[in-house]
């Protein structure tokens, strides 16, 4: 990876939840290349270990720690392990999140014929409350709990920062994914709230709102088996002035900018869209 910014994070300890994912892994590598010691936190340790090994092989400092962002005790165990090896947290990236099939409708619009659901469609009325709750918890509570656990490390520190991951769905809800859209809107709101709340103790809180990137979770929704775009992906491209999906590397500049107090020390409580103009384009 070639870094777009020359950022010095030497002496900083970074925790990245969801660090074993596609985007989370890029975040971990970028922070390590900038000099930070990185804790790659993931519910599945094997995925976290792959990222940590890649960082170490490149000459960086990283450890893989399994942890469930929805379990306070699990996050406390991650914190205790972190303290033993790297010390206290300076930078927290809340990258864990995602969606679930039970929180997704099969149709973009509800139509009268859907009242007779003989074809097995998943309408709004068929959404599983437990599935919706899981999506909301994974994204919102999965950001709140790590912020509680590692935010305690940061109180009173110099240049401490929390970076959350919002979404284009927070600006305008996406069809079919009501739970995910609502959860990401909550992330953006919570980012602003937490920025104000921590403003007297030296912790900056900001967020990045990625546009459309191909990840493990959305690949089947966006790409057919032959690699061509699905109808949903074609709609995304139509509404994207740049006419393409984002590349994971294109999130690194905003991440490092927000992580470095020298570059963004007076920026607090903002959500930065990285979307190729998706949110700005009305469609006409």
C-alpha atoms as a PDB file:
ATOM      1  CA  UNK A   1       0.000   0.000   0.000  1.00  0.00           C
ATOM      2  CA  UNK A   2       1.225   3.485  -0.887  1.00  0.00           C
ATOM      3  CA  UNK A   3       0.010   6.088   1.582  1.00  0.00           C
ATOM      4  CA  UNK A   4      -1.563   9.255   0.146  1.00  0.00           C
ATOM      5  CA  UNK A   5      -0.512  11.332   3.174  1.00  0.00           C
ATOM      6  CA  UNK A   6       2.700  11.575   5.165  1.00  0.00           C
ATOM      7  CA  UNK A   7       1.303  11.190   8.674  1.00  0.00           C
ATOM      8  CA  UNK A   8       3.420  10.477  11.743  1.00  0.00           C
ATOM      9  CA  UNK A   9       1.584   8.271  14.238  1.00  0.00           C
ATOM     10  CA  UNK A  10       4.716   7.013  15.985  1.00  0.00           C
ATOM     11  CA  UNK A  11       4.015   6.238  19.629  1.00  0.00           C
ATOM     12  CA  UNK A  12       0.260   5.945  19.058  1.00  0.00           C
ATOM     13  CA  UNK A  13      -1.782   2.828  19.795  1.00  0.00           C
ATOM     14  CA  UNK A  14      -4.713   2.219  17.454  1.00  0.00           C
ATOM     15  CA  UNK A  15      -7.624  -0.163  17.901  1.00  0.00           C
ATOM     16  CA  UNK A  16      -9.622  -1.135  14.812  1.00  0.00           C
ATOM     17  CA  UNK A  17     -12.818  -3.107  15.343  1.00  0.00           C
ATOM     18  CA  UNK A  18     -13.872  -5.101  12.312  1.00  0.00           C
ATOM     19  CA  UNK A  19     -10.199  -5.071  11.416  1.00  0.00           C
ATOM     20  CA  UNK A  20     -10.435  -8.421   9.672  1.00  0.00           C
ATOM     21  CA  UNK A  21     -12.825  -7.101   7.015  1.00  0.00           C
ATOM     22  CA  UNK A  22     -11.972  -5.640   3.628  1.00  0.00           C
ATOM     23  CA  UNK A  23     -12.150  -1.969   4.631  1.00  0.00           C
ATOM     24  CA  UNK A  24     -11.061  -2.557   8.222  1.00  0.00           C
ATOM     25  CA  UNK A  25      -7.973  -4.377   7.008  1.00  0.00           C
ATOM     26  CA  UNK A  26      -6.977  -1.415   4.853  1.00  0.00           C
ATOM     27  CA  UNK A  27      -7.440   0.884   7.838  1.00  0.00           C
ATOM     28  CA  UNK A  28      -5.165  -1.306   9.958  1.00  0.00           C
ATOM     29  CA  UNK A  29      -2.411  -1.396   7.341  1.00  0.00           C
ATOM     30  CA  UNK A  30      -2.532   2.356   6.758  1.00  0.00           C
ATOM     31  CA  UNK A  31      -2.277   3.138  10.466  1.00  0.00           C
ATOM     32  CA  UNK A  32       0.629   0.724  10.862  1.00  0.00           C
ATOM     33  CA  UNK A  33       2.467   2.189   7.870  1.00  0.00           C
ATOM     34  CA  UNK A  34       2.070   5.582   9.539  1.00  0.00           C
ATOM     35  CA  UNK A  35       3.862   4.273  12.627  1.00  0.00           C
ATOM     36  CA  UNK A  36       1.012   3.291  14.937  1.00  0.00           C
ATOM     37  CA  UNK A  37       0.882   0.060  16.889  1.00  0.00           C
ATOM     38  CA  UNK A  38      -2.326  -1.579  15.736  1.00  0.00           C
ATOM     39  CA  UNK A  39      -4.698  -3.955  17.483  1.00  0.00           C
ATOM     40  CA  UNK A  40      -6.696  -5.782  14.822  1.00  0.00           C
ATOM     41  CA  UNK A  41      -9.958  -6.664  16.560  1.00  0.00           C
ATOM     42  CA  UNK A  42     -12.382  -9.055  14.917  1.00  0.00           C
ATOM     43  CA  UNK A  43     -14.994 -11.525  16.074  1.00  0.00           C
ATOM     44  CA  UNK A  44     -13.172 -14.174  14.042  1.00  0.00           C
ATOM     45  CA  UNK A  45      -9.557 -14.254  15.156  1.00  0.00           C
ATOM     46  CA  UNK A  46      -8.396 -16.033  12.000  1.00  0.00           C
ATOM     47  CA  UNK A  47      -9.389 -13.054   9.853  1.00  0.00           C
ATOM     48  CA  UNK A  48      -7.742 -10.632  12.263  1.00  0.00           C
ATOM     49  CA  UNK A  49      -4.581 -12.726  12.279  1.00  0.00           C
ATOM     50  CA  UNK A  50      -4.270 -12.572   8.497  1.00  0.00           C
ATOM     51  CA  UNK A  51      -4.257  -8.767   8.647  1.00  0.00           C
ATOM     52  CA  UNK A  52      -1.890  -8.621  11.627  1.00  0.00           C
ATOM     53  CA  UNK A  53       0.544 -11.034   9.952  1.00  0.00           C
ATOM     54  CA  UNK A  54       0.519  -8.938   6.791  1.00  0.00           C
ATOM     55  CA  UNK A  55       1.398  -5.841   8.823  1.00  0.00           C
ATOM     56  CA  UNK A  56       4.192  -7.553  10.739  1.00  0.00           C
ATOM     57  CA  UNK A  57       5.665  -9.005   7.544  1.00  0.00           C
ATOM     58  CA  UNK A  58       5.798  -5.461   6.162  1.00  0.00           C
ATOM     59  CA  UNK A  59       7.739  -4.305   9.217  1.00  0.00           C
ATOM     60  CA  UNK A  60       4.873  -2.851  11.280  1.00  0.00           C
ATOM     61  CA  UNK A  61       3.576  -3.554  14.776  1.00  0.00           C
ATOM     62  CA  UNK A  62       0.239  -5.352  15.026  1.00  0.00           C
ATOM     63  CA  UNK A  63      -1.571  -7.933  17.113  1.00  0.00           C
ATOM     64  CA  UNK A  64      -4.773  -9.849  16.423  1.00  0.00           C
ATOM     65  CA  UNK A  65      -7.279  -9.924  19.273  1.00  0.00           C
ATOM     66  CA  UNK A  66     -10.656 -11.683  18.996  1.00  0.00           C
ATOM     67  CA  UNK A  67     -13.539  -9.626  20.306  1.00  0.00           C
ATOM     68  CA  UNK A  68     -17.298  -9.188  19.994  1.00  0.00           C
ATOM     69  CA  UNK A  69     -18.284  -5.514  19.811  1.00  0.00           C
ATOM     70  CA  UNK A  70     -21.726  -6.356  21.204  1.00  0.00           C
ATOM     71  CA  UNK A  71     -20.300  -7.908  24.376  1.00  0.00           C
ATOM     72  CA  UNK A  72     -18.956  -5.512  26.993  1.00  0.00           C
ATOM     73  CA  UNK A  73     -16.984  -8.229  28.757  1.00  0.00           C
ATOM     74  CA  UNK A  74     -15.395  -9.258  25.457  1.00  0.00           C
ATOM     75  CA  UNK A  75     -14.330  -5.672  24.742  1.00  0.00           C
ATOM     76  CA  UNK A  76     -12.930  -5.400  28.265  1.00  0.00           C
ATOM     77  CA  UNK A  77     -10.855  -8.511  27.571  1.00  0.00           C
ATOM     78  CA  UNK A  78      -9.585  -6.901  24.363  1.00  0.00           C
ATOM     79  CA  UNK A  79      -8.642  -3.777  26.329  1.00  0.00           C
ATOM     80  CA  UNK A  80      -6.818  -5.810  28.979  1.00  0.00           C
ATOM     81  CA  UNK A  81      -4.872  -7.715  26.316  1.00  0.00           C
ATOM     82  CA  UNK A  82      -4.059  -4.444  24.571  1.00  0.00           C
ATOM     83  CA  UNK A  83      -2.704  -2.934  27.792  1.00  0.00           C
ATOM     84  CA  UNK A  84      -0.396  -5.896  28.343  1.00  0.00           C
ATOM     85  CA  UNK A  85       1.157  -5.691  24.890  1.00  0.00           C
ATOM     86  CA  UNK A  86       0.887  -2.156  23.494  1.00  0.00           C
ATOM     87  CA  UNK A  87      -0.472   0.028  26.302  1.00  0.00           C
ATOM     88  CA  UNK A  88      -3.548   2.268  26.287  1.00  0.00           C
ATOM     89  CA  UNK A  89      -5.547   3.269  23.228  1.00  0.00           C
ATOM     90  CA  UNK A  90      -4.979   6.604  21.452  1.00  0.00           C
ATOM     91  CA  UNK A  91      -6.965   6.022  18.257  1.00  0.00           C
ATOM     92  CA  UNK A  92     -10.176   4.017  17.997  1.00  0.00           C
ATOM     93  CA  UNK A  93     -11.625   3.119  14.596  1.00  0.00           C
ATOM     94  CA  UNK A  94     -15.152   1.699  14.924  1.00  0.00           C
ATOM     95  CA  UNK A  95     -15.200  -0.218  11.653  1.00  0.00           C
ATOM     96  CA  UNK A  96     -17.305  -3.192  12.778  1.00  0.00           C
ATOM     97  CA  UNK A  97     -20.779  -3.203  11.241  1.00  0.00           C
ATOM     98  CA  UNK A  98     -22.861  -4.658   8.476  1.00  0.00           C
ATOM     99  CA  UNK A  99     -26.276  -5.944   7.488  1.00  0.00           C
ATOM    100  CA  UNK A 100     -28.334  -9.116   7.869  1.00  0.00           C
ATOM    101  CA  UNK A 101     -30.802 -10.832   5.492  1.00  0.00           C
ATOM    102  CA  UNK A 102     -33.539 -10.721   8.137  1.00  0.00           C
ATOM    103  CA  UNK A 103     -33.420  -6.918   8.108  1.00  0.00           C
ATOM    104  CA  UNK A 104     -33.850  -6.606   4.329  1.00  0.00           C
ATOM    105  CA  UNK A 105     -37.019  -6.376   2.252  1.00  0.00           C
ATOM    106  CA  UNK A 106     -37.062  -8.168  -1.092  1.00  0.00           C
ATOM    107  CA  UNK A 107     -38.915  -5.351  -2.875  1.00  0.00           C
ATOM    108  CA  UNK A 108     -38.016  -1.683  -3.221  1.00  0.00           C
ATOM    109  CA  UNK A 109     -41.685  -0.651  -3.093  1.00  0.00           C
ATOM    110  CA  UNK A 110     -44.720  -2.131  -1.394  1.00  0.00           C
ATOM    111  CA  UNK A 111     -47.535  -2.731  -3.868  1.00  0.00           C
ATOM    112  CA  UNK A 112     -51.128  -3.833  -3.357  1.00  0.00           C
ATOM    113  CA  UNK A 113     -50.452  -7.296  -4.740  1.00  0.00           C
ATOM    114  CA  UNK A 114     -47.907  -7.801  -1.985  1.00  0.00           C
ATOM    115  CA  UNK A 115     -50.792  -8.158   0.476  1.00  0.00           C
ATOM    116  CA  UNK A 116     -51.215 -11.636  -0.989  1.00  0.00           C
ATOM    117  CA  UNK A 117     -47.710 -12.813  -0.240  1.00  0.00           C
ATOM    118  CA  UNK A 118     -48.097 -16.187  -1.932  1.00  0.00           C
ATOM    119  CA  UNK A 119     -44.755 -15.768  -3.712  1.00  0.00           C
ATOM    120  CA  UNK A 120     -42.850 -15.563  -0.446  1.00  0.00           C
ATOM    121  CA  UNK A 121     -41.636 -11.996  -0.776  1.00  0.00           C
ATOM    122  CA  UNK A 122     -40.214 -10.293   2.274  1.00  0.00           C
ATOM    123  CA  UNK A 123     -42.281  -7.141   2.646  1.00  0.00           C
ATOM    124  CA  UNK A 124     -42.035  -4.518   5.375  1.00  0.00           C
ATOM    125  CA  UNK A 125     -44.661  -6.472   7.296  1.00  0.00           C
ATOM    126  CA  UNK A 126     -42.545  -9.630   7.128  1.00  0.00           C
ATOM    127  CA  UNK A 127     -39.327  -8.143   8.504  1.00  0.00           C
ATOM    128  CA  UNK A 128     -38.095 -10.113  11.489  1.00  0.00           C
ATOM    129  CA  UNK A 129     -37.846  -7.748  14.501  1.00  0.00           C
ATOM    130  CA  UNK A 130     -34.927  -9.803  15.790  1.00  0.00           C
ATOM    131  CA  UNK A 131     -33.117  -9.383  12.477  1.00  0.00           C
ATOM    132  CA  UNK A 132     -33.752  -5.641  12.492  1.00  0.00           C
ATOM    133  CA  UNK A 133     -32.557  -5.442  16.098  1.00  0.00           C
ATOM    134  CA  UNK A 134     -29.402  -7.376  15.234  1.00  0.00           C
ATOM    135  CA  UNK A 135     -28.509  -4.958  12.424  1.00  0.00           C
ATOM    136  CA  UNK A 136     -29.128  -1.931  14.623  1.00  0.00           C
ATOM    137  CA  UNK A 137     -27.160  -3.419  17.498  1.00  0.00           C
ATOM    138  CA  UNK A 138     -24.225  -4.479  15.321  1.00  0.00           C
ATOM    139  CA  UNK A 139     -23.814  -0.998  13.888  1.00  0.00           C
ATOM    140  CA  UNK A 140     -24.886   1.333  16.686  1.00  0.00           C
ATOM    141  CA  UNK A 141     -24.253  -0.643  19.872  1.00  0.00           C
ATOM    142  CA  UNK A 142     -21.154  -2.075  18.169  1.00  0.00           C
ATOM    143  CA  UNK A 143     -19.874   1.487  18.035  1.00  0.00           C
ATOM    144  CA  UNK A 144     -21.127   2.655  21.431  1.00  0.00           C
ATOM    145  CA  UNK A 145     -19.673  -0.219  23.491  1.00  0.00           C
ATOM    146  CA  UNK A 146     -16.080  -0.011  22.139  1.00  0.00           C
ATOM    147  CA  UNK A 147     -16.268   3.765  22.537  1.00  0.00           C
ATOM    148  CA  UNK A 148     -17.137   3.267  26.196  1.00  0.00           C
ATOM    149  CA  UNK A 149     -14.372   0.751  26.797  1.00  0.00           C
ATOM    150  CA  UNK A 150     -11.540   2.436  24.916  1.00  0.00           C
ATOM    151  CA  UNK A 151     -12.749   5.992  25.413  1.00  0.00           C
ATOM    152  CA  UNK A 152     -11.856   5.588  29.083  1.00  0.00           C
ATOM    153  CA  UNK A 153      -8.236   5.076  27.975  1.00  0.00           C
ATOM    154  CA  UNK A 154      -8.325   8.329  26.023  1.00  0.00           C
ATOM    155  CA  UNK A 155      -9.717  10.744  28.605  1.00  0.00           C
ATOM    156  CA  UNK A 156      -7.164  13.487  29.252  1.00  0.00           C
ATOM    157  CA  UNK A 157      -4.733  12.225  26.612  1.00  0.00           C
ATOM    158  CA  UNK A 158      -3.167  14.441  24.003  1.00  0.00           C
ATOM    159  CA  UNK A 159      -4.512  14.029  20.461  1.00  0.00           C
ATOM    160  CA  UNK A 160      -6.858  11.124  21.219  1.00  0.00           C
ATOM    161  CA  UNK A 161      -9.470  10.454  18.568  1.00  0.00           C
ATOM    162  CA  UNK A 162     -12.403   8.215  17.726  1.00  0.00           C
ATOM    163  CA  UNK A 163     -13.375   7.656  14.098  1.00  0.00           C
ATOM    164  CA  UNK A 164     -16.726   6.037  13.365  1.00  0.00           C
ATOM    165  CA  UNK A 165     -17.940   4.578  10.080  1.00  0.00           C
ATOM    166  CA  UNK A 166     -21.244   5.919   8.832  1.00  0.00           C
ATOM    167  CA  UNK A 167     -22.673   5.444   5.329  1.00  0.00           C
ATOM    168  CA  UNK A 168     -24.460   7.089   2.418  1.00  0.00           C
ATOM    169  CA  UNK A 169     -27.546   5.412   3.883  1.00  0.00           C
ATOM    170  CA  UNK A 170     -27.344   7.888   6.765  1.00  0.00           C
ATOM    171  CA  UNK A 171     -27.946  10.823   4.402  1.00  0.00           C
ATOM    172  CA  UNK A 172     -30.762   9.245   2.434  1.00  0.00           C
ATOM    173  CA  UNK A 173     -32.203   5.820   3.311  1.00  0.00           C
ATOM    174  CA  UNK A 174     -31.516   3.120   0.769  1.00  0.00           C
ATOM    175  CA  UNK A 175     -34.336   0.938  -0.507  1.00  0.00           C
ATOM    176  CA  UNK A 176     -34.581  -2.603   0.888  1.00  0.00           C
ATOM    177  CA  UNK A 177     -32.322  -1.940   3.910  1.00  0.00           C
ATOM    178  CA  UNK A 178     -34.362  -0.052   6.520  1.00  0.00           C
ATOM    179  CA  UNK A 179     -32.484  -1.419   9.511  1.00  0.00           C
ATOM    180  CA  UNK A 180     -29.056  -0.631   8.098  1.00  0.00           C
ATOM    181  CA  UNK A 181     -30.113   2.852   6.980  1.00  0.00           C
ATOM    182  CA  UNK A 182     -31.564   3.692  10.387  1.00  0.00           C
ATOM    183  CA  UNK A 183     -28.515   2.327  12.191  1.00  0.00           C
ATOM    184  CA  UNK A 184     -26.080   4.360  10.109  1.00  0.00           C
ATOM    185  CA  UNK A 185     -28.166   7.501  10.608  1.00  0.00           C
ATOM    186  CA  UNK A 186     -27.816   6.804  14.323  1.00  0.00           C
ATOM    187  CA  UNK A 187     -24.029   6.544  13.905  1.00  0.00           C
ATOM    188  CA  UNK A 188     -23.847  10.000  12.326  1.00  0.00           C
ATOM    189  CA  UNK A 189     -26.001  11.492  15.060  1.00  0.00           C
ATOM    190  CA  UNK A 190     -24.040   9.715  17.783  1.00  0.00           C
ATOM    191  CA  UNK A 191     -20.772  10.966  16.297  1.00  0.00           C
ATOM    192  CA  UNK A 192     -21.915  14.553  16.733  1.00  0.00           C
ATOM    193  CA  UNK A 193     -23.247  13.895  20.226  1.00  0.00           C
ATOM    194  CA  UNK A 194     -20.075  12.164  21.400  1.00  0.00           C
ATOM    195  CA  UNK A 195     -17.872  14.888  19.914  1.00  0.00           C
ATOM    196  CA  UNK A 196     -19.614  17.471  22.074  1.00  0.00           C
ATOM    197  CA  UNK A 197     -19.694  15.214  25.115  1.00  0.00           C
ATOM    198  CA  UNK A 198     -15.940  14.533  25.024  1.00  0.00           C
ATOM    199  CA  UNK A 199     -14.908  18.026  23.926  1.00  0.00           C
ATOM    200  CA  UNK A 200     -13.687  19.051  27.400  1.00  0.00           C
ATOM    201  CA  UNK A 201     -11.410  16.039  27.910  1.00  0.00           C
ATOM    202  CA  UNK A 202      -9.391  16.125  24.692  1.00  0.00           C
ATOM    203  CA  UNK A 203     -11.082  13.433  22.599  1.00  0.00           C
ATOM    204  CA  UNK A 204     -12.094  14.317  19.051  1.00  0.00           C
ATOM    205  CA  UNK A 205     -14.869  12.252  17.464  1.00  0.00           C
ATOM    206  CA  UNK A 206     -15.527  12.239  13.724  1.00  0.00           C
ATOM    207  CA  UNK A 207     -16.804   9.823  11.109  1.00  0.00           C
ATOM    208  CA  UNK A 208     -16.300   8.727   7.523  1.00  0.00           C
ATOM    209  CA  UNK A 209     -19.338   7.939   5.368  1.00  0.00           C
ATOM    210  CA  UNK A 210     -18.198   5.637   2.563  1.00  0.00           C
ATOM    211  CA  UNK A 211     -20.158   5.587  -0.641  1.00  0.00           C
ATOM    212  CA  UNK A 212     -20.323   2.419  -2.689  1.00  0.00           C
ATOM    213  CA  UNK A 213     -17.417   0.036  -2.259  1.00  0.00           C
ATOM    214  CA  UNK A 214     -17.406  -3.679  -3.065  1.00  0.00           C
ATOM    215  CA  UNK A 215     -17.004  -5.674   0.148  1.00  0.00           C
ATOM    216  CA  UNK A 216     -17.540  -9.257   1.224  1.00  0.00           C
ATOM    217  CA  UNK A 217     -21.002  -8.370   2.493  1.00  0.00           C
ATOM    218  CA  UNK A 218     -22.400  -6.661  -0.602  1.00  0.00           C
ATOM    219  CA  UNK A 219     -20.550  -8.462  -3.393  1.00  0.00           C
ATOM    220  CA  UNK A 220     -23.475 -10.737  -4.295  1.00  0.00           C
ATOM    221  CA  UNK A 221     -25.865  -7.783  -4.290  1.00  0.00           C
ATOM    222  CA  UNK A 222     -23.648  -5.754  -6.605  1.00  0.00           C
ATOM    223  CA  UNK A 223     -22.021  -8.297  -8.923  1.00  0.00           C
ATOM    224  CA  UNK A 224     -23.325 -11.245 -10.906  1.00  0.00           C
ATOM    225  CA  UNK A 225     -21.284 -14.437 -11.040  1.00  0.00           C
ATOM    226  CA  UNK A 226     -19.712 -13.309 -14.321  1.00  0.00           C
ATOM    227  CA  UNK A 227     -18.616 -10.011 -12.743  1.00  0.00           C
ATOM    228  CA  UNK A 228     -21.230  -7.880 -14.472  1.00  0.00           C
ATOM    229  CA  UNK A 229     -23.321  -5.390 -12.516  1.00  0.00           C
ATOM    230  CA  UNK A 230     -26.633  -6.428 -10.991  1.00  0.00           C
ATOM    231  CA  UNK A 231     -29.651  -4.125 -11.531  1.00  0.00           C
ATOM    232  CA  UNK A 232     -29.015  -2.588  -8.098  1.00  0.00           C
ATOM    233  CA  UNK A 233     -25.385  -1.890  -8.975  1.00  0.00           C
ATOM    234  CA  UNK A 234     -26.474  -0.292 -12.248  1.00  0.00           C
ATOM    235  CA  UNK A 235     -28.650   2.124 -10.254  1.00  0.00           C
ATOM    236  CA  UNK A 236     -25.670   2.981  -8.064  1.00  0.00           C
ATOM    237  CA  UNK A 237     -23.483   3.699 -11.073  1.00  0.00           C
ATOM    238  CA  UNK A 238     -26.217   5.834 -12.656  1.00  0.00           C
ATOM    239  CA  UNK A 239     -26.412   7.997  -9.517  1.00  0.00           C
ATOM    240  CA  UNK A 240     -22.629   8.237  -9.148  1.00  0.00           C
ATOM    241  CA  UNK A 241     -21.172  11.125 -11.202  1.00  0.00           C
ATOM    242  CA  UNK A 242     -17.805   9.339 -11.233  1.00  0.00           C
ATOM    243  CA  UNK A 243     -19.548   6.274 -12.758  1.00  0.00           C
ATOM    244  CA  UNK A 244     -17.645   3.694 -10.729  1.00  0.00           C
ATOM    245  CA  UNK A 245     -17.377   2.061  -7.333  1.00  0.00           C
ATOM    246  CA  UNK A 246     -14.825   3.299  -4.846  1.00  0.00           C
ATOM    247  CA  UNK A 247     -11.527   1.578  -4.171  1.00  0.00           C
ATOM    248  CA  UNK A 248     -10.675   0.797  -0.518  1.00  0.00           C
ATOM    249  CA  UNK A 249      -7.455   2.821  -0.801  1.00  0.00           C
ATOM    250  CA  UNK A 250      -9.568   5.924  -1.393  1.00  0.00           C
ATOM    251  CA  UNK A 251     -10.723   5.846   2.224  1.00  0.00           C
ATOM    252  CA  UNK A 252      -7.176   6.017   3.560  1.00  0.00           C
ATOM    253  CA  UNK A 253      -6.636   9.735   2.959  1.00  0.00           C
ATOM    254  CA  UNK A 254      -9.678  10.793   5.028  1.00  0.00           C
ATOM    255  CA  UNK A 255      -8.828   8.231   7.707  1.00  0.00           C
ATOM    256  CA  UNK A 256      -5.260   9.453   8.196  1.00  0.00           C
ATOM    257  CA  UNK A 257      -6.355  13.082   7.966  1.00  0.00           C
ATOM    258  CA  UNK A 258      -8.819  12.580  10.834  1.00  0.00           C
ATOM    259  CA  UNK A 259      -6.365  10.456  12.843  1.00  0.00           C
ATOM    260  CA  UNK A 260      -3.630  13.110  12.753  1.00  0.00           C
ATOM    261  CA  UNK A 261      -4.256  16.011  15.131  1.00  0.00           C
ATOM    262  CA  UNK A 262      -1.696  18.120  13.264  1.00  0.00           C
ATOM    263  CA  UNK A 263      -3.919  17.960  10.186  1.00  0.00           C
ATOM    264  CA  UNK A 264      -7.381  17.975  11.750  1.00  0.00           C
ATOM    265  CA  UNK A 265      -6.999  19.115  15.353  1.00  0.00           C
ATOM    266  CA  UNK A 266      -9.787  21.694  15.010  1.00  0.00           C
ATOM    267  CA  UNK A 267     -12.157  19.300  13.249  1.00  0.00           C
ATOM    268  CA  UNK A 268     -14.651  17.677  15.586  1.00  0.00           C
ATOM    269  CA  UNK A 269     -18.105  16.187  15.152  1.00  0.00           C
ATOM    270  CA  UNK A 270     -18.106  15.970  11.360  1.00  0.00           C
ATOM    271  CA  UNK A 271     -19.060  13.170   8.979  1.00  0.00           C
ATOM    272  CA  UNK A 272     -16.975  13.146   5.803  1.00  0.00           C
ATOM    273  CA  UNK A 273     -18.636  11.601   2.713  1.00  0.00           C
ATOM    274  CA  UNK A 274     -16.285   9.607   0.490  1.00  0.00           C
ATOM    275  CA  UNK A 275     -18.741   8.801  -2.253  1.00  0.00           C
ATOM    276  CA  UNK A 276     -17.652  10.060  -5.676  1.00  0.00           C
ATOM    277  CA  UNK A 277     -20.477  12.590  -5.642  1.00  0.00           C
ATOM    278  CA  UNK A 278     -23.253  10.055  -4.989  1.00  0.00           C
ATOM    279  CA  UNK A 279     -24.894  12.121  -2.249  1.00  0.00           C
ATOM    280  CA  UNK A 280     -24.646  15.384  -4.185  1.00  0.00           C
ATOM    281  CA  UNK A 281     -26.291  14.097  -7.370  1.00  0.00           C
ATOM    282  CA  UNK A 282     -30.094  14.346  -7.492  1.00  0.00           C
ATOM    283  CA  UNK A 283     -30.412  12.046 -10.478  1.00  0.00           C
ATOM    284  CA  UNK A 284     -31.246  14.806 -12.975  1.00  0.00           C
END
